[in-house]
N, C-alpha and C. Protein backbone atom coordinates (compact mmCIF):
# COMPACT_ATOMS: atom_id res chain seq x y z
N MET A 1 -109.29 41.70 -52.84
CA MET A 1 -109.40 42.79 -52.65
C MET A 1 -110.30 43.82 -51.69
N VAL A 2 -109.41 45.09 -51.39
CA VAL A 2 -110.34 45.44 -50.13
C VAL A 2 -111.22 46.58 -50.53
N ALA A 3 -112.57 46.28 -50.44
CA ALA A 3 -113.36 47.48 -50.93
C ALA A 3 -112.96 48.99 -50.04
N PRO A 4 -113.00 49.88 -51.34
CA PRO A 4 -112.87 51.66 -50.43
C PRO A 4 -113.42 51.78 -49.23
N ALA A 5 -114.54 51.62 -49.19
CA ALA A 5 -115.07 52.08 -47.93
C ALA A 5 -114.64 51.23 -46.79
N ARG A 6 -114.27 50.06 -46.79
CA ARG A 6 -113.53 49.53 -45.78
C ARG A 6 -112.27 50.22 -45.21
N ILE A 7 -111.67 50.36 -46.38
CA ILE A 7 -110.36 51.29 -46.08
C ILE A 7 -110.37 52.65 -45.50
N LYS A 8 -111.48 53.08 -45.57
CA LYS A 8 -112.04 54.82 -45.69
C LYS A 8 -112.03 54.39 -43.73
N THR A 9 -112.87 53.21 -43.32
CA THR A 9 -113.45 52.83 -41.98
C THR A 9 -112.15 52.65 -41.27
N LEU A 10 -111.31 51.80 -41.57
CA LEU A 10 -110.09 51.43 -41.28
C LEU A 10 -109.26 52.80 -40.87
N ILE A 11 -109.33 53.54 -41.89
CA ILE A 11 -107.88 54.74 -41.15
C ILE A 11 -108.57 55.76 -40.39
N ARG A 12 -110.22 55.87 -40.20
CA ARG A 12 -111.24 57.03 -39.34
C ARG A 12 -110.74 55.95 -37.93
N GLY A 13 -110.64 54.51 -37.79
CA GLY A 13 -110.33 53.86 -36.70
C GLY A 13 -109.03 54.22 -36.04
N LEU A 14 -108.39 54.26 -37.07
CA LEU A 14 -107.07 54.55 -36.86
C LEU A 14 -106.68 56.11 -35.78
N ARG A 15 -107.09 56.93 -36.72
CA ARG A 15 -106.99 58.32 -36.15
C ARG A 15 -107.89 58.55 -34.99
N LEU A 16 -109.04 57.99 -34.57
CA LEU A 16 -109.55 57.64 -33.23
C LEU A 16 -108.40 57.12 -32.44
N LEU A 17 -108.20 56.08 -32.62
CA LEU A 17 -107.27 55.41 -31.73
C LEU A 17 -106.14 56.29 -31.14
N ARG A 18 -105.46 57.21 -32.28
CA ARG A 18 -104.20 58.02 -32.10
C ARG A 18 -104.69 58.90 -31.20
N GLY A 19 -105.79 59.94 -31.79
CA GLY A 19 -106.41 60.70 -30.87
C GLY A 19 -106.47 60.12 -29.16
N LEU A 20 -106.96 59.19 -29.04
CA LEU A 20 -107.00 58.42 -27.72
C LEU A 20 -105.92 58.21 -27.00
N LEU A 21 -105.03 58.09 -27.61
CA LEU A 21 -103.53 57.61 -27.23
C LEU A 21 -102.95 58.71 -26.74
N VAL A 22 -102.83 59.62 -27.75
CA VAL A 22 -102.06 61.14 -27.44
C VAL A 22 -103.28 61.88 -25.91
N GLY A 23 -104.27 61.76 -25.89
CA GLY A 23 -104.87 62.82 -25.12
C GLY A 23 -104.79 61.67 -23.61
N GLY A 24 -104.61 60.15 -23.94
CA GLY A 24 -104.22 59.33 -22.76
C GLY A 24 -102.78 59.60 -21.98
N ILE A 25 -101.70 59.89 -23.49
CA ILE A 25 -100.41 60.02 -22.88
C ILE A 25 -100.32 60.89 -22.05
N THR A 26 -100.96 62.40 -22.89
CA THR A 26 -101.28 63.87 -22.10
C THR A 26 -101.16 63.97 -20.36
N PHE A 27 -102.98 63.20 -20.19
CA PHE A 27 -103.16 63.06 -19.02
C PHE A 27 -102.43 62.24 -17.88
N LEU A 28 -101.97 61.32 -18.14
CA LEU A 28 -100.79 60.57 -17.71
C LEU A 28 -99.54 61.36 -17.44
N VAL A 29 -99.02 62.30 -18.00
CA VAL A 29 -98.12 63.38 -18.23
C VAL A 29 -98.13 64.17 -17.06
N LEU A 30 -99.70 65.16 -17.45
CA LEU A 30 -100.15 66.10 -16.22
C LEU A 30 -100.48 65.40 -14.85
N GLY A 31 -100.97 64.16 -14.73
CA GLY A 31 -101.01 63.87 -13.16
C GLY A 31 -99.82 63.35 -12.36
N PHE A 32 -99.12 62.45 -13.30
CA PHE A 32 -98.09 62.43 -12.93
C PHE A 32 -97.20 63.62 -12.46
N TRP A 33 -97.05 64.62 -13.47
CA TRP A 33 -96.31 66.12 -13.37
C TRP A 33 -96.81 66.38 -11.51
N ALA A 34 -98.12 66.80 -11.62
CA ALA A 34 -98.45 67.44 -10.54
C ALA A 34 -97.84 66.65 -9.17
N SER A 35 -97.95 65.14 -9.13
CA SER A 35 -97.46 64.18 -8.17
C SER A 35 -96.22 64.88 -7.46
N PHE A 36 -95.11 65.24 -8.41
CA PHE A 36 -93.92 65.33 -7.60
C PHE A 36 -93.62 66.61 -6.88
N PRO A 37 -92.86 66.27 -5.54
CA PRO A 37 -92.77 67.70 -4.54
C PRO A 37 -92.01 68.97 -5.76
N THR A 38 -92.52 69.99 -5.14
CA THR A 38 -91.75 71.07 -6.00
C THR A 38 -90.44 71.45 -5.32
N PRO A 39 -89.30 71.79 -5.64
CA PRO A 39 -88.00 72.08 -5.35
C PRO A 39 -88.09 73.30 -4.26
N PRO A 40 -87.33 72.98 -3.56
CA PRO A 40 -87.57 74.98 -2.34
C PRO A 40 -87.36 76.04 -2.66
N THR A 41 -87.86 77.02 -2.77
CA THR A 41 -87.22 78.21 -3.12
C THR A 41 -86.52 79.22 -1.84
N PHE A 42 -85.38 79.59 -2.06
CA PHE A 42 -84.62 80.21 -0.85
C PHE A 42 -84.67 81.53 -0.86
N PRO A 43 -84.98 82.12 -0.10
CA PRO A 43 -84.71 84.16 -0.19
C PRO A 43 -83.36 84.63 -0.46
N GLU A 44 -83.29 85.22 -1.22
CA GLU A 44 -82.00 86.03 -1.42
C GLU A 44 -81.56 86.73 -0.22
N THR A 45 -80.42 86.63 -0.05
CA THR A 45 -79.63 87.32 0.88
C THR A 45 -78.78 88.64 0.49
N SER A 46 -78.85 89.47 1.13
CA SER A 46 -78.56 91.04 0.64
C SER A 46 -77.42 91.43 1.46
N SER A 47 -77.15 90.79 2.96
CA SER A 47 -76.51 91.23 3.83
C SER A 47 -75.26 90.96 3.45
N PRO A 48 -74.09 91.77 3.65
CA PRO A 48 -72.74 91.57 3.62
C PRO A 48 -72.19 90.06 4.28
N GLY A 49 -71.21 89.45 3.71
CA GLY A 49 -70.61 88.22 4.52
C GLY A 49 -71.53 86.74 4.23
N HIS A 50 -73.29 87.00 3.58
CA HIS A 50 -73.65 85.71 3.39
C HIS A 50 -73.37 85.49 1.48
N ASP A 51 -71.93 85.10 1.81
CA ASP A 51 -72.27 85.18 -0.07
C ASP A 51 -72.65 83.01 -0.37
N ARG A 52 -72.92 82.69 0.54
CA ARG A 52 -73.49 81.64 0.55
C ARG A 52 -74.57 80.79 1.34
N LEU A 53 -75.22 80.30 0.80
CA LEU A 53 -76.53 80.24 1.81
C LEU A 53 -76.25 78.49 2.99
N GLU A 54 -76.15 78.86 3.94
CA GLU A 54 -75.69 77.58 5.18
C GLU A 54 -76.93 77.12 5.00
N LEU A 55 -77.22 75.72 5.01
CA LEU A 55 -78.49 75.04 5.31
C LEU A 55 -78.47 74.12 6.79
N LYS A 56 -79.33 74.76 8.05
CA LYS A 56 -79.28 73.84 8.85
C LYS A 56 -79.70 72.47 8.94
N SER A 57 -80.79 72.18 8.36
CA SER A 57 -81.17 70.74 7.81
C SER A 57 -81.60 70.53 6.30
N PRO A 58 -81.74 69.21 5.87
CA PRO A 58 -81.85 68.87 4.64
C PRO A 58 -83.05 70.18 3.65
N PRO A 59 -82.97 70.28 2.56
CA PRO A 59 -83.66 70.79 2.06
C PRO A 59 -85.25 70.16 1.83
N PRO A 60 -86.56 70.23 1.95
CA PRO A 60 -87.62 69.45 1.86
C PRO A 60 -87.66 68.51 0.90
N ALA A 61 -87.00 69.03 -0.16
CA ALA A 61 -87.12 67.56 -1.47
C ALA A 61 -85.95 66.79 -1.35
N LEU A 62 -84.56 67.14 -0.04
CA LEU A 62 -83.78 65.85 0.27
C LEU A 62 -84.89 65.29 1.43
N ALA A 63 -85.22 66.19 2.67
CA ALA A 63 -85.79 64.95 3.45
C ALA A 63 -87.04 64.42 2.81
N TRP A 64 -87.84 64.63 1.72
CA TRP A 64 -88.98 63.60 1.15
C TRP A 64 -88.14 62.69 0.57
N TYR A 65 -87.09 62.66 -0.12
CA TYR A 65 -86.50 61.23 -0.96
C TYR A 65 -85.67 60.78 -0.15
N ALA A 66 -85.29 61.22 1.57
CA ALA A 66 -84.63 60.30 1.99
C ALA A 66 -85.26 58.92 2.45
N PRO A 67 -86.26 58.94 2.27
CA PRO A 67 -87.18 57.84 3.12
C PRO A 67 -87.19 56.22 2.22
N ILE A 68 -87.04 57.02 0.79
CA ILE A 68 -87.74 56.46 -0.52
C ILE A 68 -86.33 55.56 -0.53
N TRP A 69 -84.47 56.23 -0.69
CA TRP A 69 -83.43 55.94 -0.54
C TRP A 69 -83.12 55.05 0.59
N GLU A 70 -83.65 55.12 1.53
CA GLU A 70 -83.41 54.57 2.96
C GLU A 70 -81.70 55.14 3.33
N ARG A 71 -81.44 56.27 3.39
CA ARG A 71 -80.37 56.97 3.77
C ARG A 71 -80.44 58.21 3.79
N ASP A 72 -79.35 58.54 4.37
CA ASP A 72 -79.22 60.33 5.03
C ASP A 72 -78.79 60.83 3.23
N LEU A 73 -79.63 61.41 2.40
CA LEU A 73 -78.55 62.13 1.39
C LEU A 73 -77.52 62.78 1.76
N LYS A 74 -77.64 63.84 2.72
CA LYS A 74 -76.33 64.45 2.84
C LYS A 74 -75.21 63.96 3.23
N GLN A 75 -75.11 62.94 3.45
CA GLN A 75 -73.94 61.81 3.50
C GLN A 75 -73.56 61.11 2.11
N PRO A 76 -72.51 60.81 2.06
CA PRO A 76 -72.04 60.17 0.96
C PRO A 76 -72.49 58.85 0.41
N LEU A 77 -72.59 58.48 -0.62
CA LEU A 77 -73.17 57.14 -0.96
C LEU A 77 -72.34 55.80 -0.55
N VAL A 78 -71.02 56.14 -0.53
CA VAL A 78 -69.87 55.21 -0.21
C VAL A 78 -68.61 55.56 0.74
N PRO A 79 -69.09 54.92 2.10
CA PRO A 79 -68.08 55.55 2.96
C PRO A 79 -67.03 55.69 2.45
N PRO A 80 -66.16 56.95 2.95
CA PRO A 80 -64.43 56.40 2.68
C PRO A 80 -63.53 55.42 3.57
N PRO A 81 -63.22 54.82 2.91
CA PRO A 81 -62.24 53.63 3.23
C PRO A 81 -61.38 54.26 4.61
N PRO A 82 -60.96 53.59 5.36
CA PRO A 82 -60.15 53.99 6.53
C PRO A 82 -59.05 53.74 6.35
N ASP A 83 -58.03 54.99 7.22
CA ASP A 83 -56.57 55.14 6.42
C ASP A 83 -56.33 53.65 7.34
N GLN A 84 -56.04 53.18 6.77
CA GLN A 84 -54.54 52.19 6.94
C GLN A 84 -53.37 52.20 6.13
N ALA A 85 -52.39 51.69 6.72
CA ALA A 85 -50.97 51.82 6.11
C ALA A 85 -50.86 50.43 5.31
N PRO A 86 -50.42 50.56 4.24
CA PRO A 86 -50.05 49.32 3.28
C PRO A 86 -49.55 48.31 4.10
N PRO A 87 -49.52 47.10 4.04
CA PRO A 87 -48.48 45.69 4.68
C PRO A 87 -47.25 45.84 4.10
N PRO A 88 -46.14 45.80 4.79
CA PRO A 88 -45.15 45.76 4.72
C PRO A 88 -44.42 44.93 3.41
N GLU A 89 -43.96 45.28 2.24
CA GLU A 89 -43.70 44.32 0.85
C GLU A 89 -42.57 43.59 1.11
N THR A 90 -42.12 42.47 1.45
CA THR A 90 -41.47 41.45 1.50
C THR A 90 -41.37 40.46 0.54
N THR A 91 -40.01 40.21 0.18
CA THR A 91 -39.90 39.63 -1.06
C THR A 91 -39.46 38.01 -0.83
N ASP A 92 -40.01 37.04 0.04
CA ASP A 92 -39.99 36.22 0.21
C ASP A 92 -40.79 35.09 -0.46
N ALA A 93 -40.97 35.39 -1.50
CA ALA A 93 -41.71 34.70 -2.76
C ALA A 93 -40.58 33.87 -3.13
N PRO A 94 -40.81 32.22 -3.59
CA PRO A 94 -40.00 31.52 -4.53
C PRO A 94 -39.60 31.77 -5.96
N VAL A 95 -38.45 31.50 -6.05
CA VAL A 95 -38.08 32.09 -7.54
C VAL A 95 -38.53 31.25 -8.53
N LEU A 96 -39.26 31.84 -9.27
CA LEU A 96 -39.60 31.32 -10.78
C LEU A 96 -38.65 31.09 -11.75
N LEU A 97 -38.52 29.60 -12.35
CA LEU A 97 -37.72 29.27 -13.02
C LEU A 97 -38.43 29.19 -13.99
N ALA A 98 -39.32 28.65 -14.57
CA ALA A 98 -40.09 28.40 -16.13
C ALA A 98 -41.70 28.47 -15.69
N THR A 99 -42.16 28.77 -16.73
CA THR A 99 -43.73 28.61 -16.67
C THR A 99 -44.08 27.56 -18.01
N LEU A 100 -44.86 27.12 -17.96
CA LEU A 100 -45.35 25.71 -18.62
C LEU A 100 -47.04 26.10 -19.23
N VAL A 101 -47.17 26.53 -20.44
CA VAL A 101 -48.39 26.87 -20.58
C VAL A 101 -48.89 25.92 -21.67
N ASP A 102 -50.19 25.19 -21.83
CA ASP A 102 -50.41 24.73 -23.08
C ASP A 102 -52.04 24.41 -22.98
N ALA A 103 -52.28 23.59 -23.59
CA ALA A 103 -53.79 23.56 -24.29
C ALA A 103 -54.14 22.12 -22.74
N GLN A 104 -53.28 21.65 -22.33
CA GLN A 104 -53.65 20.73 -21.73
C GLN A 104 -53.60 21.12 -19.63
N GLY A 105 -52.78 22.35 -19.45
CA GLY A 105 -53.02 22.68 -18.41
C GLY A 105 -51.56 23.71 -18.40
N ARG A 106 -51.48 24.43 -16.88
CA ARG A 106 -50.38 25.09 -16.59
C ARG A 106 -49.83 25.12 -15.60
N PHE A 107 -48.70 25.19 -15.73
CA PHE A 107 -47.71 24.93 -14.73
C PHE A 107 -46.36 25.54 -14.45
N ALA A 108 -46.09 25.86 -13.09
CA ALA A 108 -45.02 26.76 -12.97
C ALA A 108 -43.81 26.12 -12.12
N HIS A 109 -42.54 26.03 -12.76
CA HIS A 109 -41.26 25.74 -12.41
C HIS A 109 -40.50 26.27 -11.18
N PHE A 110 -40.61 26.34 -10.04
CA PHE A 110 -39.96 27.17 -8.73
C PHE A 110 -38.55 26.42 -8.44
N ALA A 111 -37.89 27.50 -7.70
CA ALA A 111 -36.72 26.70 -7.14
C ALA A 111 -37.08 26.74 -5.55
N GLY A 112 -37.74 25.88 -4.73
CA GLY A 112 -38.08 25.29 -3.98
C GLY A 112 -37.17 25.51 -2.81
N PRO A 113 -37.15 25.21 -1.26
CA PRO A 113 -36.31 25.15 -0.51
C PRO A 113 -34.70 24.59 -0.86
N GLY A 114 -33.66 24.99 -0.35
CA GLY A 114 -32.64 24.43 -0.46
C GLY A 114 -32.41 24.43 -2.08
N GLY A 115 -33.01 25.14 -2.77
CA GLY A 115 -32.61 25.09 -4.53
C GLY A 115 -33.31 23.84 -5.11
N ARG A 116 -34.38 23.09 -4.52
CA ARG A 116 -34.66 21.85 -4.85
C ARG A 116 -36.04 22.69 -5.95
N PRO A 117 -36.10 21.91 -7.07
CA PRO A 117 -36.76 22.35 -8.21
C PRO A 117 -38.19 21.79 -7.72
N GLU A 118 -39.22 22.76 -7.84
CA GLU A 118 -40.67 21.97 -7.63
C GLU A 118 -41.50 22.57 -8.90
N LEU A 119 -42.54 21.67 -9.10
CA LEU A 119 -43.50 21.74 -9.93
C LEU A 119 -44.78 22.10 -9.39
N ARG A 120 -45.50 23.36 -9.90
CA ARG A 120 -47.02 23.25 -8.89
C ARG A 120 -47.74 23.85 -10.14
N GLY A 121 -49.43 23.51 -9.75
CA GLY A 121 -50.27 23.91 -10.82
C GLY A 121 -51.23 24.66 -10.11
N LEU A 122 -52.29 24.96 -10.61
CA LEU A 122 -53.21 26.36 -10.10
C LEU A 122 -53.65 26.04 -8.85
N ASP A 123 -53.66 26.38 -8.15
CA ASP A 123 -54.16 26.52 -6.25
C ASP A 123 -53.56 25.57 -5.82
N GLU A 124 -52.33 25.59 -6.13
CA GLU A 124 -51.28 24.91 -5.34
C GLU A 124 -50.48 25.39 -4.63
N GLY A 125 -49.97 25.16 -3.49
CA GLY A 125 -49.13 26.03 -2.81
C GLY A 125 -47.94 25.55 -2.61
N ILE A 126 -46.74 26.73 -2.46
CA ILE A 126 -45.43 26.40 -2.35
C ILE A 126 -44.77 28.07 -1.46
N GLY A 127 -44.37 27.37 -0.33
CA GLY A 127 -43.30 28.31 0.63
C GLY A 127 -44.46 29.26 1.37
N GLY A 128 -45.76 29.15 1.64
CA GLY A 128 -46.66 30.03 2.22
C GLY A 128 -47.28 30.47 1.43
N PHE A 129 -47.22 30.29 0.16
CA PHE A 129 -48.06 31.15 -1.20
C PHE A 129 -49.25 30.09 -1.86
N VAL A 130 -49.88 30.22 -2.80
CA VAL A 130 -50.85 29.38 -3.32
C VAL A 130 -50.84 30.32 -4.50
N VAL A 131 -50.56 29.56 -5.79
CA VAL A 131 -50.63 29.77 -7.22
C VAL A 131 -52.01 29.99 -7.73
N ARG A 132 -52.16 31.21 -8.19
CA ARG A 132 -53.73 31.88 -8.17
C ARG A 132 -53.84 32.15 -9.78
N SER A 133 -52.56 32.18 -10.74
CA SER A 133 -52.94 32.58 -12.36
C SER A 133 -51.15 32.19 -12.65
N ILE A 134 -51.03 31.43 -13.56
CA ILE A 134 -49.81 31.20 -14.27
C ILE A 134 -49.96 31.50 -15.63
N GLU A 135 -49.14 32.58 -16.60
CA GLU A 135 -49.26 33.17 -17.51
C GLU A 135 -47.96 32.61 -18.34
N PRO A 136 -47.61 33.33 -19.22
CA PRO A 136 -46.45 32.63 -20.31
C PRO A 136 -45.15 34.24 -19.63
N GLY A 137 -44.56 33.27 -18.28
CA GLY A 137 -43.45 34.58 -18.01
C GLY A 137 -43.39 34.71 -16.29
N ARG A 138 -44.88 34.42 -16.34
CA ARG A 138 -44.89 34.92 -14.88
C ARG A 138 -46.11 34.31 -14.35
N VAL A 139 -46.26 34.31 -12.80
CA VAL A 139 -47.19 33.83 -11.92
C VAL A 139 -47.23 34.64 -10.85
N GLN A 140 -48.89 34.29 -10.80
CA GLN A 140 -49.54 35.60 -9.73
C GLN A 140 -49.59 34.31 -8.33
N LEU A 141 -48.80 35.02 -7.13
CA LEU A 141 -49.37 34.09 -5.85
C LEU A 141 -49.90 35.11 -5.23
N ALA A 142 -50.79 34.24 -3.97
CA ALA A 142 -51.52 35.04 -2.97
C ALA A 142 -50.85 34.40 -1.70
N GLN A 143 -50.96 35.66 -1.09
CA GLN A 143 -51.10 35.01 0.56
C GLN A 143 -51.48 35.72 1.38
N GLY A 144 -52.53 35.10 2.12
CA GLY A 144 -53.73 35.82 2.19
C GLY A 144 -54.29 36.82 1.35
N ASP A 145 -54.59 37.87 1.93
CA ASP A 145 -55.38 38.85 0.76
C ASP A 145 -54.13 39.70 0.16
N ARG A 146 -52.81 39.57 0.05
CA ARG A 146 -51.59 39.85 -0.54
C ARG A 146 -51.40 39.10 -1.99
N LEU A 147 -51.43 39.78 -2.96
CA LEU A 147 -51.22 39.17 -4.36
C LEU A 147 -49.77 39.91 -4.79
N VAL A 148 -49.15 38.89 -5.26
CA VAL A 148 -47.61 39.17 -5.82
C VAL A 148 -47.53 38.30 -7.02
N TRP A 149 -47.02 39.11 -8.15
CA TRP A 149 -46.49 38.78 -9.75
C TRP A 149 -45.25 38.17 -9.39
N VAL A 150 -44.47 37.12 -9.94
CA VAL A 150 -43.21 36.80 -9.78
C VAL A 150 -42.87 36.36 -11.46
N GLU A 151 -42.16 37.05 -11.57
CA GLU A 151 -41.76 36.98 -13.26
C GLU A 151 -40.26 36.29 -13.40
N LEU A 152 -40.16 35.97 -14.46
CA LEU A 152 -38.90 35.22 -14.84
C LEU A 152 -37.69 36.00 -14.52
N PRO A 153 -36.72 35.50 -14.27
CA PRO A 153 -35.67 36.70 -14.15
C PRO A 153 -34.83 36.88 -15.70
N LYS A 154 -34.51 38.25 -15.78
CA LYS A 154 -34.17 38.55 -16.79
C LYS A 154 -32.75 38.16 -17.59
N SER A 155 -32.46 37.61 -18.42
CA SER A 155 -31.25 37.05 -18.72
C SER A 155 -30.55 37.66 -19.60
N GLU A 156 -29.07 38.24 -19.65
CA GLU A 156 -28.43 38.81 -20.68
C GLU A 156 -28.35 38.02 -21.88
N GLY A 157 -28.19 38.64 -23.17
CA GLY A 157 -28.37 37.93 -24.17
C GLY A 157 -26.63 37.73 -24.16
N ARG A 158 -26.37 36.37 -25.22
CA ARG A 158 -25.28 35.51 -25.20
C ARG A 158 -24.52 36.16 -26.12
N ARG A 159 -23.09 36.15 -26.06
CA ARG A 159 -22.58 37.44 -26.82
C ARG A 159 -21.74 36.53 -27.17
């Protein structure tokens, strides 16, 4: 069993440590707070026609942060994409006849040139396309940067 005098000594030591920790954190926060730059203050414009303030140069805070971020902070973070017309859609993809998806592999059954049946797996080519993905009922084909989904033809129900 621990003696009551030893417990009182432990409590005093823990209180001292708590005081040192709170004082140290306060010292660090106040020290870091003073190192941050202050935001600029702009004079009020009371003349008519000045409903907004136009800046000729970035505010001092932005100028201060620009070297850290290694870029001009007035410019957008990601440049806008160039205006490009989408490539024309062509329907020269092969006709999908069936998909075979099981634990042993994934295969697609296509109607090749001249209606000849062709069986293709993943990453195999057919008619200028490469098979990228095979799912039940549809196949994704790639031709360069273009991706095309080919689905099984819809059949009408039997009567």
